[in-house]
C-alpha atoms as a PDB file:
ATOM      1  CA  MET A   1      27.282  18.484  -5.376  1.00  0.00           C
ATOM      2  CA  ILE A   2      23.529  18.216  -4.942  1.00  0.00           C
ATOM      3  CA  ALA A   3      21.612  20.668  -7.069  1.00  0.00           C
ATOM      4  CA  ASP A   4      18.588  20.487  -4.831  1.00  0.00           C
ATOM      5  CA  GLY A   5      18.807  22.433  -1.599  1.00  0.00           C
ATOM      6  CA  SER A   6      15.261  21.853  -0.374  1.00  0.00           C
ATOM      7  CA  SER A   7      14.262  19.616   2.490  1.00  0.00           C
ATOM      8  CA  PRO A   8      15.355  16.130   1.508  1.00  0.00           C
ATOM      9  CA  LEU A   9      12.874  13.375   0.857  1.00  0.00           C
ATOM     10  CA  ARG A  10      13.416   9.972   2.342  1.00  0.00           C
ATOM     11  CA  LEU A  11      13.616   6.918   0.167  1.00  0.00           C
ATOM     12  CA  LYS A  12      11.374   4.096   1.228  1.00  0.00           C
ATOM     13  CA  ARG A  13      13.715   1.152   1.225  1.00  0.00           C
ATOM     14  CA  ARG A  14      11.888  -2.107   1.755  1.00  0.00           C
ATOM     15  CA  ARG A  15      13.684  -4.846   3.624  1.00  0.00           C
ATOM     16  CA  PHE A  16      13.677  -8.304   2.160  1.00  0.00           C
ATOM     17  CA  THR A  17      14.393 -11.308   4.314  1.00  0.00           C
ATOM     18  CA  ASN A  18      15.105 -14.837   3.202  1.00  0.00           C
ATOM     19  CA  VAL A  19      15.478 -13.889  -0.455  1.00  0.00           C
ATOM     20  CA  HIS A  20      15.489 -16.976  -2.623  1.00  0.00           C
ATOM     21  CA  PRO A  21      18.587 -17.250  -4.842  1.00  0.00           C
ATOM     22  CA  MET A  22      16.389 -17.676  -7.919  1.00  0.00           C
ATOM     23  CA  GLU A  23      14.510 -14.467  -7.108  1.00  0.00           C
ATOM     24  CA  ALA A  24      17.759 -12.567  -6.615  1.00  0.00           C
ATOM     25  CA  GLN A  25      19.095 -13.917  -9.897  1.00  0.00           C
ATOM     26  CA  ALA A  26      15.928 -12.801 -11.693  1.00  0.00           C
ATOM     27  CA  ALA A  27      16.235  -9.309 -10.182  1.00  0.00           C
ATOM     28  CA  LYS A  28      19.839  -8.990 -11.341  1.00  0.00           C
ATOM     29  CA  ALA A  29      18.898 -10.207 -14.808  1.00  0.00           C
ATOM     30  CA  LYS A  30      16.102  -7.647 -15.070  1.00  0.00           C
ATOM     31  CA  LEU A  31      18.362  -4.780 -14.009  1.00  0.00           C
ATOM     32  CA  ALA A  32      21.013  -5.943 -16.467  1.00  0.00           C
ATOM     33  CA  ALA A  33      18.419  -6.082 -19.270  1.00  0.00           C
ATOM     34  CA  ALA A  34      17.327  -2.512 -18.497  1.00  0.00           C
ATOM     35  CA  LYS A  35      20.947  -1.350 -18.560  1.00  0.00           C
ATOM     36  CA  GLU A  36      21.431  -3.068 -21.918  1.00  0.00           C
ATOM     37  CA  LYS A  37      18.275  -1.499 -23.366  1.00  0.00           C
ATOM     38  CA  PHE A  38      18.762   2.067 -22.145  1.00  0.00           C
ATOM     39  CA  GLY A  39      22.546   2.116 -22.113  1.00  0.00           C
ATOM     40  CA  ARG A  40      22.903   3.049 -18.449  1.00  0.00           C
ATOM     41  CA  GLU A  41      22.130   1.859 -14.944  1.00  0.00           C
ATOM     42  CA  ILE A  42      18.548   2.575 -13.864  1.00  0.00           C
ATOM     43  CA  ARG A  43      16.923   2.309 -10.451  1.00  0.00           C
ATOM     44  CA  VAL A  44      13.416   3.168  -9.239  1.00  0.00           C
ATOM     45  CA  PHE A  45      12.608   4.220  -5.681  1.00  0.00           C
ATOM     46  CA  GLU A  46       9.550   5.412  -3.829  1.00  0.00           C
ATOM     47  CA  THR A  47       9.921   8.706  -1.981  1.00  0.00           C
ATOM     48  CA  SER A  48       8.004  10.241   0.878  1.00  0.00           C
ATOM     49  CA  PRO A  49       8.205  13.656   2.559  1.00  0.00           C
ATOM     50  CA  LEU A  50       9.773  14.047   5.957  1.00  0.00           C
ATOM     51  CA  SER A  51       7.552  13.895   8.999  1.00  0.00           C
ATOM     52  CA  SER A  52       5.736  17.035  10.091  1.00  0.00           C
ATOM     53  CA  SER A  53       7.910  17.291  13.187  1.00  0.00           C
ATOM     54  CA  SER A  54      11.020  17.463  11.010  1.00  0.00           C
ATOM     55  CA  ASN A  55       9.416  20.158   8.872  1.00  0.00           C
ATOM     56  CA  GLU A  56       8.550  22.182  11.946  1.00  0.00           C
ATOM     57  CA  GLU A  57      12.142  21.973  13.134  1.00  0.00           C
ATOM     58  CA  SER A  58      13.416  23.141   9.758  1.00  0.00           C
ATOM     59  CA  LYS A  59      11.122  26.197   9.919  1.00  0.00           C
ATOM     60  CA  THR A  60      12.527  27.316  13.258  1.00  0.00           C
ATOM     61  CA  GLU A  61      14.226  30.680  12.839  1.00  0.00           C
ATOM     62  CA  GLU A  62      17.806  31.087  13.869  1.00  0.00           C
ATOM     63  CA  VAL A  63      18.853  33.737  16.336  1.00  0.00           C
ATOM     64  CA  ASP A  64      20.336  36.976  15.017  1.00  0.00           C
ATOM     65  CA  GLU A  65      23.835  35.992  16.154  1.00  0.00           C
ATOM     66  CA  PHE A  66      23.708  33.057  13.736  1.00  0.00           C
ATOM     67  CA  TYR A  67      23.880  35.447  10.775  1.00  0.00           C
ATOM     68  CA  GLU A  68      26.474  37.817  12.252  1.00  0.00           C
ATOM     69  CA  PHE A  69      29.358  38.415   9.864  1.00  0.00           C
ATOM     70  CA  THR A  70      32.510  38.878  11.909  1.00  0.00           C
ATOM     71  CA  ALA A  71      35.760  40.593  10.976  1.00  0.00           C
ATOM     72  CA  GLU A  72      37.466  37.206  11.058  1.00  0.00           C
ATOM     73  CA  ASP A  73      35.074  35.916   8.414  1.00  0.00           C
ATOM     74  CA  TYR A  74      35.804  38.944   6.215  1.00  0.00           C
ATOM     75  CA  TYR A  75      39.589  38.600   6.334  1.00  0.00           C
ATOM     76  CA  ARG A  76      39.426  34.861   5.752  1.00  0.00           C
ATOM     77  CA  ILE A  77      37.305  35.305   2.614  1.00  0.00           C
ATOM     78  CA  MET A  78      39.468  38.136   1.294  1.00  0.00           C
ATOM     79  CA  ALA A  79      42.637  36.114   1.847  1.00  0.00           C
ATOM     80  CA  THR A  80      41.175  33.230  -0.126  1.00  0.00           C
ATOM     81  CA  LYS A  81      40.180  35.520  -2.996  1.00  0.00           C
ATOM     82  CA  LYS A  82      43.615  37.128  -3.128  1.00  0.00           C
ATOM     83  CA  GLU A  83      45.291  33.757  -3.205  1.00  0.00           C
ATOM     84  CA  ASP A  84      43.099  32.551  -6.056  1.00  0.00           C
ATOM     85  CA  LYS A  85      43.535  35.771  -8.019  1.00  0.00           C
ATOM     86  CA  TYR A  86      47.219  36.542  -7.635  1.00  0.00           C
ATOM     87  CA  LEU A  87      49.016  33.380  -6.640  1.00  0.00           C
ATOM     88  CA  LYS A  88      47.451  31.070  -9.225  1.00  0.00           C
ATOM     89  CA  THR A  89      47.952  31.659 -12.899  1.00  0.00           C
ATOM     90  CA  ARG A  90      45.332  30.842 -15.473  1.00  0.00           C
ATOM     91  CA  LYS A  91      47.173  27.706 -16.558  1.00  0.00           C
ATOM     92  CA  VAL A  92      47.407  26.483 -12.977  1.00  0.00           C
ATOM     93  CA  ARG A  93      43.674  27.005 -12.442  1.00  0.00           C
ATOM     94  CA  GLU A  94      42.880  25.209 -15.685  1.00  0.00           C
ATOM     95  CA  ALA A  95      45.150  22.314 -14.748  1.00  0.00           C
ATOM     96  CA  GLU A  96      43.476  22.012 -11.353  1.00  0.00           C
ATOM     97  CA  GLU A  97      40.058  22.050 -12.992  1.00  0.00           C
ATOM     98  CA  LEU A  98      41.053  19.291 -15.410  1.00  0.00           C
ATOM     99  CA  ALA A  99      42.428  17.249 -12.527  1.00  0.00           C
ATOM    100  CA  ARG A 100      39.151  17.610 -10.637  1.00  0.00           C
ATOM    101  CA  ARG A 101      37.151  16.565 -13.695  1.00  0.00           C
ATOM    102  CA  SER A 102      39.334  13.557 -14.354  1.00  0.00           C
ATOM    103  CA  ARG A 103      38.769  12.227 -10.841  1.00  0.00           C
ATOM    104  CA  ILE A 104      34.980  12.126 -11.304  1.00  0.00           C
ATOM    105  CA  THR A 105      33.830   9.335 -13.596  1.00  0.00           C
ATOM    106  CA  LYS A 106      30.059   9.375 -13.153  1.00  0.00           C
ATOM    107  CA  ALA A 107      27.103  11.593 -12.313  1.00  0.00           C
ATOM    108  CA  VAL A 108      24.188  10.030 -10.464  1.00  0.00           C
ATOM    109  CA  ILE A 109      21.017  11.914 -11.356  1.00  0.00           C
ATOM    110  CA  ARG A 110      17.743  11.401  -9.512  1.00  0.00           C
ATOM    111  CA  ILE A 111      14.562  12.602 -11.217  1.00  0.00           C
ATOM    112  CA  ARG A 112      11.645  13.039  -8.855  1.00  0.00           C
ATOM    113  CA  PHE A 113       8.079  12.817 -10.096  1.00  0.00           C
ATOM    114  CA  PRO A 114       4.911  14.272  -8.554  1.00  0.00           C
ATOM    115  CA  ASP A 115       3.610  10.780  -7.668  1.00  0.00           C
ATOM    116  CA  ASN A 116       6.423  10.270  -5.104  1.00  0.00           C
ATOM    117  CA  HIS A 117       8.607   8.075  -7.304  1.00  0.00           C
ATOM    118  CA  THR A 118      12.242   8.676  -8.145  1.00  0.00           C
ATOM    119  CA  LEU A 119      14.118   7.461 -11.186  1.00  0.00           C
ATOM    120  CA  GLU A 120      17.877   7.182 -10.691  1.00  0.00           C
ATOM    121  CA  ALA A 121      20.170   7.010 -13.699  1.00  0.00           C
ATOM    122  CA  THR A 122      23.942   7.124 -14.075  1.00  0.00           C
ATOM    123  CA  PHE A 123      25.631   9.355 -16.664  1.00  0.00           C
ATOM    124  CA  HIS A 124      29.188  10.310 -17.531  1.00  0.00           C
ATOM    125  CA  PRO A 125      30.030  13.876 -16.429  1.00  0.00           C
ATOM    126  CA  SER A 126      30.944  14.809 -20.021  1.00  0.00           C
ATOM    127  CA  GLU A 127      27.509  13.839 -21.365  1.00  0.00           C
ATOM    128  CA  LYS A 128      25.063  16.588 -22.220  1.00  0.00           C
ATOM    129  CA  VAL A 129      21.953  17.314 -20.197  1.00  0.00           C
ATOM    130  CA  GLN A 130      20.100  16.537 -23.418  1.00  0.00           C
ATOM    131  CA  SER A 131      20.909  12.860 -22.801  1.00  0.00           C
ATOM    132  CA  LEU A 132      18.802  13.036 -19.638  1.00  0.00           C
ATOM    133  CA  VAL A 133      15.858  14.432 -21.588  1.00  0.00           C
ATOM    134  CA  ASP A 134      16.318  11.709 -24.222  1.00  0.00           C
ATOM    135  CA  LEU A 135      16.159   9.076 -21.476  1.00  0.00           C
ATOM    136  CA  LEU A 136      12.994  10.591 -20.032  1.00  0.00           C
ATOM    137  CA  MET A 137      11.349  10.450 -23.443  1.00  0.00           C
ATOM    138  CA  LYS A 138      11.903   6.676 -23.386  1.00  0.00           C
ATOM    139  CA  VAL A 139      10.655   5.960 -19.868  1.00  0.00           C
ATOM    140  CA  ILE A 140       7.752   8.325 -19.106  1.00  0.00           C
ATOM    141  CA  SER A 141       4.220   7.086 -19.635  1.00  0.00           C
ATOM    142  CA  LYS A 142       3.072  10.014 -21.785  1.00  0.00           C
ATOM    143  CA  PRO A 143       5.980  11.051 -24.028  1.00  0.00           C
ATOM    144  CA  GLU A 144       3.560  12.818 -26.369  1.00  0.00           C
ATOM    145  CA  LEU A 145       2.938  15.535 -23.753  1.00  0.00           C
ATOM    146  CA  PRO A 146       5.409  18.416 -23.378  1.00  0.00           C
ATOM    147  CA  PHE A 147       7.354  18.455 -20.122  1.00  0.00           C
ATOM    148  CA  TYR A 148      10.198  20.283 -18.446  1.00  0.00           C
ATOM    149  CA  ILE A 149      12.738  19.616 -15.695  1.00  0.00           C
ATOM    150  CA  TYR A 150      13.835  21.973 -12.968  1.00  0.00           C
ATOM    151  CA  THR A 151      15.832  22.347  -9.758  1.00  0.00           C
ATOM    152  CA  THR A 152      14.748  23.875  -6.476  1.00  0.00           C
ATOM    153  CA  PRO A 153      15.007  26.057  -4.400  1.00  0.00           C
ATOM    154  CA  PRO A 154      14.455  28.460  -5.937  1.00  0.00           C
ATOM    155  CA  LYS A 155      12.540  26.783  -8.735  1.00  0.00           C
ATOM    156  CA  LYS A 156      14.668  27.107 -11.854  1.00  0.00           C
ATOM    157  CA  GLN A 157      13.791  25.477 -15.130  1.00  0.00           C
ATOM    158  CA  ILE A 158      16.669  23.764 -16.918  1.00  0.00           C
ATOM    159  CA  LYS A 159      16.673  25.209 -20.419  1.00  0.00           C
ATOM    160  CA  ASP A 160      20.272  24.911 -21.577  1.00  0.00           C
ATOM    161  CA  LEU A 161      20.446  21.244 -22.566  1.00  0.00           C
ATOM    162  CA  SER A 162      23.762  21.665 -24.394  1.00  0.00           C
ATOM    163  CA  GLN A 163      25.760  21.865 -21.166  1.00  0.00           C
ATOM    164  CA  ASP A 164      27.482  18.772 -19.842  1.00  0.00           C
ATOM    165  CA  PHE A 165      26.638  17.559 -16.366  1.00  0.00           C
ATOM    166  CA  TYR A 166      29.900  18.833 -14.924  1.00  0.00           C
ATOM    167  CA  THR A 167      29.437  22.377 -16.251  1.00  0.00           C
ATOM    168  CA  ALA A 168      25.802  22.392 -15.156  1.00  0.00           C
ATOM    169  CA  GLY A 169      26.872  21.602 -11.589  1.00  0.00           C
ATOM    170  CA  PHE A 170      25.247  18.161 -11.502  1.00  0.00           C
ATOM    171  CA  VAL A 171      28.405  16.280 -10.483  1.00  0.00           C
ATOM    172  CA  PRO A 172      28.830  13.974  -8.641  1.00  0.00           C
ATOM    173  CA  GLY A 173      25.052  13.915  -8.298  1.00  0.00           C
ATOM    174  CA  ALA A 174      21.900  16.014  -8.449  1.00  0.00           C
ATOM    175  CA  ILE A 175      18.196  15.918  -7.712  1.00  0.00           C
ATOM    176  CA  ILE A 176      16.033  17.143 -10.583  1.00  0.00           C
ATOM    177  CA  TYR A 177      12.271  17.505 -10.695  1.00  0.00           C
ATOM    178  CA  PHE A 178       9.898  16.562 -13.508  1.00  0.00           C
ATOM    179  CA  SER A 179       6.658  18.247 -14.538  1.00  0.00           C
ATOM    180  CA  TYR A 180       4.388  18.121 -17.551  1.00  0.00           C
ATOM    181  CA  ASP A 181       4.138  21.493 -19.265  1.00  0.00           C
ATOM    182  CA  ILE A 182       0.362  21.814 -19.095  1.00  0.00           C
ATOM    183  CA  PRO A 183      -1.084  25.187 -20.140  1.00  0.00           C
ATOM    184  CA  LYS A 184      -2.998  27.083 -17.507  1.00  0.00           C
ATOM    185  CA  GLY A 185      -6.700  26.353 -17.605  1.00  0.00           C
ATOM    186  CA  ASN A 186      -6.181  22.893 -19.087  1.00  0.00           C
ATOM    187  CA  ASP A 187      -7.117  20.615 -16.213  1.00  0.00           C
ATOM    188  CA  ASP A 188      -5.521  17.349 -17.292  1.00  0.00           C
ATOM    189  CA  ALA A 189      -5.991  15.292 -14.138  1.00  0.00           C
ATOM    190  CA  ALA A 190      -4.379  12.196 -15.682  1.00  0.00           C
ATOM    191  CA  ALA A 191      -1.160  14.084 -16.397  1.00  0.00           C
ATOM    192  CA  LYS A 192      -1.046  15.541 -12.894  1.00  0.00           C
ATOM    193  CA  SER A 193      -1.741  12.355 -10.953  1.00  0.00           C
ATOM    194  CA  GLY A 194       0.286   9.855 -12.944  1.00  0.00           C
ATOM    195  CA  PRO A 195       1.557   7.246 -13.260  1.00  0.00           C
ATOM    196  CA  PHE A 196       4.500   9.097 -14.751  1.00  0.00           C
ATOM    197  CA  LEU A 197       6.716   6.103 -15.575  1.00  0.00           C
ATOM    198  CA  GLN A 198       5.976   3.218 -17.888  1.00  0.00           C
ATOM    199  CA  ASP A 199       4.998  -0.128 -16.386  1.00  0.00           C
ATOM    200  CA  GLU A 200       8.265  -1.640 -17.608  1.00  0.00           C
ATOM    201  CA  ILE A 201      10.248   0.940 -15.642  1.00  0.00           C
ATOM    202  CA  MET A 202       8.026   0.684 -12.577  1.00  0.00           C
ATOM    203  CA  SER A 203       8.672  -3.055 -12.499  1.00  0.00           C
ATOM    204  CA  LEU A 204      12.303  -2.234 -11.597  1.00  0.00           C
ATOM    205  CA  LYS A 205      11.197  -0.763  -8.289  1.00  0.00           C
ATOM    206  CA  GLY A 206      13.020  -2.351  -5.383  1.00  0.00           C
ATOM    207  CA  LEU A 207      14.982  -4.850  -7.475  1.00  0.00           C
ATOM    208  CA  GLU A 208      18.349  -3.469  -6.424  1.00  0.00           C
ATOM    209  CA  LEU A 209      17.430  -4.215  -2.795  1.00  0.00           C
ATOM    210  CA  ILE A 210      16.653  -7.830  -3.619  1.00  0.00           C
ATOM    211  CA  SER A 211      19.970  -8.245  -5.391  1.00  0.00           C
ATOM    212  CA  GLU A 212      21.861  -6.560  -2.545  1.00  0.00           C
ATOM    213  CA  GLN A 213      20.090  -8.690   0.054  1.00  0.00           C
ATOM    214  CA  ALA A 214      21.165 -11.873  -1.701  1.00  0.00           C
ATOM    215  CA  GLU A 215      24.827 -10.926  -1.985  1.00  0.00           C
ATOM    216  CA  PRO A 216      26.827 -13.636  -0.246  1.00  0.00           C
ATOM    217  CA  VAL A 217      28.334 -12.383   2.934  1.00  0.00           C
ATOM    218  CA  GLN A 218      31.793 -13.690   3.603  1.00  0.00           C
ATOM    219  CA  PRO A 219      31.725 -15.338   7.019  1.00  0.00           C
ATOM    220  CA  ALA A 220      34.172 -13.989   9.497  1.00  0.00           C
ATOM    221  CA  PRO A 221      37.105 -16.322   9.998  1.00  0.00           C
ATOM    222  CA  ALA A 222      36.704 -18.516  13.037  1.00  0.00           C
ATOM    223  CA  PRO A 223      38.980 -17.519  15.865  1.00  0.00           C
ATOM    224  CA  GLU A 224      41.951 -19.765  16.266  1.00  0.00           C
ATOM    225  CA  PRO A 225      41.597 -22.129  19.229  1.00  0.00           C
ATOM    226  CA  VAL A 226      43.543 -21.014  22.202  1.00  0.00           C
ATOM    227  CA  VAL A 227      45.776 -23.817  23.382  1.00  0.00           C
ATOM    228  CA  SER A 228      46.584 -23.536  27.014  1.00  0.00           C
ATOM    229  CA  VAL A 229      50.209 -24.302  27.616  1.00  0.00           C
ATOM    230  CA  PRO A 230      50.905 -25.516  31.155  1.00  0.00           C
ATOM    231  CA  THR A 231      53.237 -23.315  33.056  1.00  0.00           C
ATOM    232  CA  PRO A 232      56.547 -25.144  33.554  1.00  0.00           C
ATOM    233  CA  VAL A 233      57.175 -26.041  37.127  1.00  0.00           C
ATOM    234  CA  VAL A 234      60.506 -24.766  38.324  1.00  0.00           C
ATOM    235  CA  GLU A 235      62.004 -26.878  41.050  1.00  0.00           C
ATOM    236  CA  GLU A 236      63.136 -24.896  43.983  1.00  0.00           C
ATOM    237  CA  ARG A 237      66.769 -25.646  44.665  1.00  0.00           C
ATOM    238  CA  LYS A 238      68.090 -25.550  48.177  1.00  0.00           C
ATOM    239  CA  PRO A 239      71.255 -23.624  48.679  1.00  0.00           C
ATOM    240  CA  ALA A 240      74.257 -25.956  48.915  1.00  0.00           C
ATOM    241  CA  GLU A 241      75.685 -26.384  52.343  1.00  0.00           C
ATOM    242  CA  LYS A 242      79.088 -24.785  52.693  1.00  0.00           C
ATOM    243  CA  LYS A 243      81.858 -27.061  53.919  1.00  0.00           C
ATOM    244  CA  PRO A 244      84.049 -25.572  56.652  1.00  0.00           C
ATOM    245  CA  ILE A 245      87.344 -24.426  55.263  1.00  0.00           C
ATOM    246  CA  LYS A 246      90.476 -25.252  57.316  1.00  0.00           C
ATOM    247  CA  PRO A 247      92.741 -22.194  57.660  1.00  0.00           C
ATOM    248  CA  LYS A 248      96.326 -22.748  56.480  1.00  0.00           C
ATOM    249  CA  TRP A 249      97.863 -21.531  59.717  1.00  0.00           C
ATOM    250  CA  LEU A 250      96.014 -24.096  61.772  1.00  0.00           C
ATOM    251  CA  LYS A 251      98.224 -27.168  62.368  1.00  0.00           C
ATOM    252  CA  LEU A 252      96.981 -30.185  64.201  1.00  0.00           C
END
């Protein structure tokens, strides 16, 4: 589930060619060191809005028939509600919910900052949202300033930090936005323009691409040589000549 329903932002993924093995090894080591320090996998991407043409397409209004609610839609929804309400007991619903939770082992959270950078971190679904705020306190450039996180649309500030990621609806992943909580009238240009992440965290930008680019690719097995077997020549046999048979009644 993605908590953000707004127009998606594209990740600028740089392509690396001819990555030196030593450079790839250094990138992996740096990512591993960050995971060891912060206790979770961390990635940094650069984001950019969609092109204006895509935005214009998204603003195009649908025809009235698109929103028409048919009788078939009504009966299908009511049938689903009746099944959930009457055919499933509370224990069955709870068992199904536990089964769904057990199948999901991680929540990938992307925090987007106003300077077009995205921090991606991996959490366990049972962790509290407070753990995300604790991580942000360690990686943002100005932890002394108050800040808040929110989802959009509509813009909704995340206030209940005691919920786990699964209950909050942030599983298997979510997009969350970051903003400094600057009082109105206080024009803090530095806080608005960034940088929002520490230099140490920004140095992780693009490292996962270097490590992926250097992954050894298993060569496809060479096709087995086709040995042409000569077609056996079948000798054409002539039909045997029949010897004349002497009838028994013929006496010479």
